[in-house]
């Protein structure tokens, strides 16, 4: 999936993580390219594995800080 993401315009970076149980990738994708990335990566994943990928969109938060 990371390799497919690297080939998608609008993807800033992608990395494989947690390869133990099928693994997953974390990709940084420009907002305007999210739907295209999901479509292209999902299609390639299904073509290579016969499985359907799940995608989760997360947003960057304010970062670590002291909670009082």
N, C-alpha and C. Protein backbone atom coordinates (compact mmCIF):
# COMPACT_ATOMS: atom_id res chain seq x y z
N UNK A 1 0.82 -1.18 0.00
CA UNK A 1 0.00 0.00 0.00
C UNK A 1 0.87 1.25 0.00
N UNK A 2 1.96 1.22 0.73
CA UNK A 2 2.84 2.39 0.75
C UNK A 2 3.39 2.63 -0.65
N UNK A 3 3.78 1.58 -1.33
CA UNK A 3 4.32 1.72 -2.68
C UNK A 3 3.28 2.32 -3.62
N UNK A 4 2.04 1.87 -3.51
CA UNK A 4 0.97 2.42 -4.33
C UNK A 4 0.73 3.89 -3.98
N UNK A 5 0.80 4.22 -2.71
CA UNK A 5 0.59 5.61 -2.28
C UNK A 5 1.70 6.51 -2.83
N UNK A 6 2.94 6.04 -2.82
CA UNK A 6 4.06 6.84 -3.33
C UNK A 6 3.84 7.25 -4.78
N UNK A 7 3.10 6.45 -5.52
CA UNK A 7 2.87 6.71 -6.94
C UNK A 7 1.64 7.57 -7.18
N UNK A 8 1.01 8.05 -6.12
CA UNK A 8 -0.20 8.84 -6.22
C UNK A 8 0.11 10.31 -6.02
N UNK A 9 -0.29 11.14 -6.97
CA UNK A 9 -0.06 12.57 -6.86
C UNK A 9 -0.79 13.13 -5.64
N UNK A 10 -0.12 13.97 -4.89
CA UNK A 10 -0.70 14.56 -3.69
C UNK A 10 -0.30 13.85 -2.42
N UNK A 11 0.39 12.72 -2.55
CA UNK A 11 0.89 12.01 -1.38
C UNK A 11 2.27 12.57 -1.04
N UNK A 12 2.40 13.07 0.18
CA UNK A 12 3.66 13.65 0.63
C UNK A 12 4.62 12.55 1.08
N UNK A 13 4.07 11.50 1.70
CA UNK A 13 4.88 10.38 2.15
C UNK A 13 4.00 9.25 2.63
N UNK A 14 4.53 8.04 2.65
CA UNK A 14 3.79 6.88 3.11
C UNK A 14 4.78 5.85 3.65
N UNK A 15 4.37 5.17 4.71
CA UNK A 15 5.27 4.21 5.35
C UNK A 15 4.48 3.01 5.87
N UNK A 16 5.03 1.84 5.70
CA UNK A 16 4.45 0.62 6.26
C UNK A 16 4.67 0.61 7.76
N UNK A 17 3.68 0.16 8.50
CA UNK A 17 3.81 0.06 9.95
C UNK A 17 3.00 -1.14 10.44
N UNK A 18 3.44 -1.74 11.50
CA UNK A 18 2.68 -2.85 12.11
C UNK A 18 2.42 -4.00 11.17
N UNK A 19 3.46 -4.58 10.59
CA UNK A 19 3.30 -5.64 9.61
C UNK A 19 2.89 -7.00 10.16
N UNK A 20 2.68 -7.13 11.46
CA UNK A 20 2.38 -8.42 12.07
C UNK A 20 1.09 -9.05 11.62
N UNK A 21 -0.01 -8.36 11.70
CA UNK A 21 -1.32 -8.92 11.35
C UNK A 21 -1.86 -8.25 10.09
N UNK A 22 -1.12 -8.37 9.01
CA UNK A 22 -1.55 -7.76 7.76
C UNK A 22 -0.99 -6.37 7.57
N UNK A 23 -0.62 -5.74 8.65
CA UNK A 23 0.03 -4.44 8.57
C UNK A 23 -0.89 -3.32 8.15
N UNK A 24 -0.33 -2.16 8.10
CA UNK A 24 -1.04 -0.98 7.64
C UNK A 24 0.00 0.04 7.20
N UNK A 25 -0.48 1.11 6.63
CA UNK A 25 0.41 2.20 6.25
C UNK A 25 -0.10 3.48 6.87
N UNK A 26 0.80 4.39 7.06
CA UNK A 26 0.46 5.75 7.46
C UNK A 26 0.92 6.63 6.32
N UNK A 27 -0.01 7.39 5.77
CA UNK A 27 0.31 8.24 4.62
C UNK A 27 -0.05 9.68 4.93
N UNK A 28 0.80 10.58 4.52
CA UNK A 28 0.50 12.01 4.61
C UNK A 28 0.06 12.43 3.22
N UNK A 29 -1.18 12.90 3.15
CA UNK A 29 -1.80 13.19 1.85
C UNK A 29 -2.39 14.60 1.88
N UNK A 30 -2.17 15.35 0.84
CA UNK A 30 -2.77 16.68 0.74
C UNK A 30 -4.29 16.54 0.73
N UNK A 31 -4.99 17.49 1.37
CA UNK A 31 -6.45 17.41 1.49
C UNK A 31 -7.14 17.14 0.16
N UNK A 32 -6.71 17.83 -0.88
CA UNK A 32 -7.39 17.71 -2.17
C UNK A 32 -7.14 16.37 -2.86
N UNK A 33 -6.22 15.58 -2.36
CA UNK A 33 -5.89 14.30 -2.99
C UNK A 33 -6.38 13.09 -2.20
N UNK A 34 -7.07 13.29 -1.09
CA UNK A 34 -7.47 12.17 -0.23
C UNK A 34 -8.34 11.18 -0.99
N UNK A 35 -9.39 11.63 -1.64
CA UNK A 35 -10.30 10.71 -2.34
C UNK A 35 -9.59 9.98 -3.47
N UNK A 36 -8.73 10.68 -4.19
CA UNK A 36 -7.97 10.05 -5.28
C UNK A 36 -7.04 8.99 -4.72
N UNK A 37 -6.36 9.31 -3.64
CA UNK A 37 -5.44 8.36 -3.02
C UNK A 37 -6.19 7.10 -2.57
N UNK A 38 -7.30 7.28 -1.88
CA UNK A 38 -8.07 6.13 -1.42
C UNK A 38 -8.50 5.27 -2.60
N UNK A 39 -8.97 5.90 -3.67
CA UNK A 39 -9.41 5.15 -4.85
C UNK A 39 -8.29 4.37 -5.50
N UNK A 40 -7.16 5.03 -5.72
CA UNK A 40 -6.05 4.38 -6.42
C UNK A 40 -5.37 3.31 -5.56
N UNK A 41 -5.11 3.64 -4.31
CA UNK A 41 -4.44 2.67 -3.43
C UNK A 41 -5.37 1.49 -3.16
N UNK A 42 -6.63 1.76 -2.91
CA UNK A 42 -7.59 0.69 -2.67
C UNK A 42 -7.72 -0.25 -3.85
N UNK A 43 -7.74 0.31 -5.06
CA UNK A 43 -7.85 -0.51 -6.27
C UNK A 43 -6.63 -1.41 -6.43
N UNK A 44 -5.44 -0.83 -6.26
CA UNK A 44 -4.22 -1.63 -6.41
C UNK A 44 -4.12 -2.71 -5.34
N UNK A 45 -4.53 -2.38 -4.12
CA UNK A 45 -4.50 -3.36 -3.04
C UNK A 45 -5.41 -4.55 -3.37
N UNK A 46 -6.62 -4.26 -3.83
CA UNK A 46 -7.56 -5.32 -4.18
C UNK A 46 -7.04 -6.16 -5.34
N UNK A 47 -6.45 -5.50 -6.33
CA UNK A 47 -5.89 -6.24 -7.48
C UNK A 47 -4.79 -7.21 -7.05
N UNK A 48 -3.98 -6.81 -6.08
CA UNK A 48 -2.85 -7.64 -5.65
C UNK A 48 -3.20 -8.67 -4.60
N UNK A 49 -4.23 -8.42 -3.80
CA UNK A 49 -4.53 -9.33 -2.69
C UNK A 49 -5.90 -10.00 -2.77
N UNK A 50 -6.82 -9.41 -3.53
CA UNK A 50 -8.19 -9.91 -3.55
C UNK A 50 -8.99 -9.45 -2.34
N UNK A 51 -8.39 -8.62 -1.50
CA UNK A 51 -9.04 -8.11 -0.29
C UNK A 51 -9.41 -6.64 -0.48
N UNK A 52 -10.29 -6.17 0.39
CA UNK A 52 -10.69 -4.76 0.37
C UNK A 52 -10.01 -4.05 1.53
N UNK A 53 -9.34 -2.95 1.23
CA UNK A 53 -8.63 -2.18 2.26
C UNK A 53 -9.60 -1.25 3.00
N UNK A 54 -9.30 -0.99 4.25
CA UNK A 54 -10.01 0.01 5.04
C UNK A 54 -9.12 1.25 5.13
N UNK A 55 -9.74 2.42 5.10
CA UNK A 55 -9.00 3.67 5.19
C UNK A 55 -9.58 4.51 6.33
N UNK A 56 -8.72 5.13 7.09
CA UNK A 56 -9.12 6.00 8.20
C UNK A 56 -8.45 7.36 7.99
N UNK A 57 -9.22 8.40 8.01
CA UNK A 57 -8.68 9.74 7.82
C UNK A 57 -8.55 10.40 9.19
N UNK A 58 -7.36 10.87 9.48
CA UNK A 58 -7.09 11.53 10.76
C UNK A 58 -6.59 12.94 10.47
N UNK A 59 -6.79 13.81 11.42
CA UNK A 59 -6.30 15.18 11.30
C UNK A 59 -5.28 15.45 12.39
N UNK A 60 -4.36 16.32 12.10
CA UNK A 60 -3.33 16.68 13.06
C UNK A 60 -3.94 17.53 14.16
N UNK A 61 -3.61 17.19 15.40
CA UNK A 61 -4.10 17.95 16.54
C UNK A 61 -3.12 19.04 16.95
N UNK A 62 -3.35 19.62 18.11
CA UNK A 62 -2.51 20.70 18.60
C UNK A 62 -1.17 20.22 19.16
N UNK A 63 -0.97 18.92 19.27
CA UNK A 63 0.29 18.40 19.78
C UNK A 63 0.27 18.22 21.28
N UNK A 64 1.37 17.74 21.80
CA UNK A 64 1.50 17.47 23.23
C UNK A 64 1.54 18.77 24.02
N UNK A 65 0.91 18.75 25.17
CA UNK A 65 0.95 19.91 26.06
C UNK A 65 0.55 19.47 27.45
N UNK A 66 0.86 20.24 28.44
CA UNK A 66 0.52 19.96 29.83
C UNK A 66 -0.97 20.16 30.05
N UNK A 67 -1.60 19.17 30.65
CA UNK A 67 -3.03 19.25 31.00
C UNK A 67 -3.12 19.46 32.49
N UNK A 68 -3.79 20.52 32.89
CA UNK A 68 -3.92 20.81 34.33
C UNK A 68 -5.34 20.78 34.77
